[in-house]
């Protein structure tokens, strides 16, 4: 299966999402940046997505989504030994 990415603005949820889609542009997973409360979420809309594809989506989202609308930076990336 060939995967694609797209950025999608959502005025109802007040934010921006990076979506992972299939070749027919069906959304399979999304990392969403909520500008109103400065939060980030990930949603999976399909079962059995390869771990490496989700990992890539999350890493890309850090770069592609940029800061929140008010220019506040995204939270720092945690290290593996952080609790």
Protein backbone atom coordinates (compact mmCIF):
# COMPACT_ATOMS: atom_id res chain seq x y z
CA UNK A 1 0.00 0.00 0.00
CA UNK A 2 1.26 3.45 -0.87
CA UNK A 3 0.75 6.07 1.84
CA UNK A 4 0.45 9.83 1.38
CA UNK A 5 0.46 12.85 3.66
CA UNK A 6 -1.66 15.97 3.64
CA UNK A 7 -2.01 19.02 5.88
CA UNK A 8 -5.58 19.91 6.75
CA UNK A 9 -6.85 23.02 8.50
CA UNK A 10 -10.00 22.60 10.60
CA UNK A 11 -11.80 25.78 11.70
CA UNK A 12 -14.38 23.86 13.77
CA UNK A 13 -11.71 22.15 15.88
CA UNK A 14 -9.52 25.28 15.69
CA UNK A 15 -6.29 23.76 14.52
CA UNK A 16 -4.20 21.99 11.93
CA UNK A 17 -3.69 18.30 11.25
CA UNK A 18 -1.15 16.19 9.43
CA UNK A 19 -2.99 13.24 7.93
CA UNK A 20 -1.70 9.90 6.70
CA UNK A 21 -3.86 8.69 3.82
CA UNK A 22 -4.04 5.75 1.48
CA UNK A 23 -3.73 6.08 -2.29
CA UNK A 24 -7.45 7.02 -2.51
CA UNK A 25 -6.94 9.85 0.02
CA UNK A 26 -8.89 8.06 2.79
CA UNK A 27 -7.53 9.30 6.13
CA UNK A 28 -5.92 6.46 8.09
CA UNK A 29 -4.27 8.43 10.91
CA UNK A 30 -3.88 12.02 12.03
CA UNK A 31 -1.79 14.14 14.37
CA UNK A 32 -3.81 17.24 15.25
CA UNK A 33 -2.62 20.53 16.74
CA UNK A 34 -5.41 22.21 18.76
CA UNK A 35 -4.64 25.94 18.85
CA UNK A 36 -7.29 26.84 21.44
CA UNK A 37 -5.82 24.75 24.27
CA UNK A 38 -2.28 24.11 22.98
CA UNK A 39 -2.64 20.35 22.78
CA UNK A 40 -1.61 17.66 20.31
CA UNK A 41 -3.48 14.41 19.71
CA UNK A 42 -3.08 11.38 17.49
CA UNK A 43 -6.05 9.48 16.07
CA UNK A 44 -6.00 6.18 14.20
CA UNK A 45 -8.91 5.50 11.83
CA UNK A 46 -7.72 2.12 10.52
CA UNK A 47 -6.48 -1.05 12.20
CA UNK A 48 -3.21 -2.70 11.40
CA UNK A 49 -1.20 0.33 10.34
CA UNK A 50 2.54 -0.44 10.41
CA UNK A 51 4.30 0.95 13.48
CA UNK A 52 6.97 2.59 11.34
CA UNK A 53 4.33 4.53 9.40
CA UNK A 54 2.80 5.92 12.61
CA UNK A 55 6.25 6.73 13.97
CA UNK A 56 7.06 8.62 10.76
CA UNK A 57 3.75 10.52 10.94
CA UNK A 58 4.47 11.65 14.51
CA UNK A 59 8.01 12.75 13.69
CA UNK A 60 6.85 14.59 10.56
CA UNK A 61 4.09 16.33 12.53
CA UNK A 62 6.67 17.99 14.79
CA UNK A 63 8.15 19.67 11.73
CA UNK A 64 5.11 20.20 9.51
CA UNK A 65 2.56 21.49 12.05
CA UNK A 66 4.85 24.23 13.34
CA UNK A 67 4.03 26.36 16.38
CA UNK A 68 0.52 27.01 17.63
CA UNK A 69 -1.42 29.84 16.01
CA UNK A 70 -0.28 32.32 18.66
CA UNK A 71 3.36 31.32 17.90
CA UNK A 72 3.73 29.26 21.10
CA UNK A 73 6.13 26.40 20.42
CA UNK A 74 5.03 22.78 20.50
CA UNK A 75 5.95 20.87 23.69
CA UNK A 76 9.52 19.63 23.88
CA UNK A 77 10.10 16.08 22.66
CA UNK A 78 10.47 13.67 25.57
CA UNK A 79 13.55 11.50 25.96
CA UNK A 80 13.05 7.78 26.43
CA UNK A 81 14.07 8.00 30.09
CA UNK A 82 11.66 10.90 30.88
CA UNK A 83 8.68 10.07 33.07
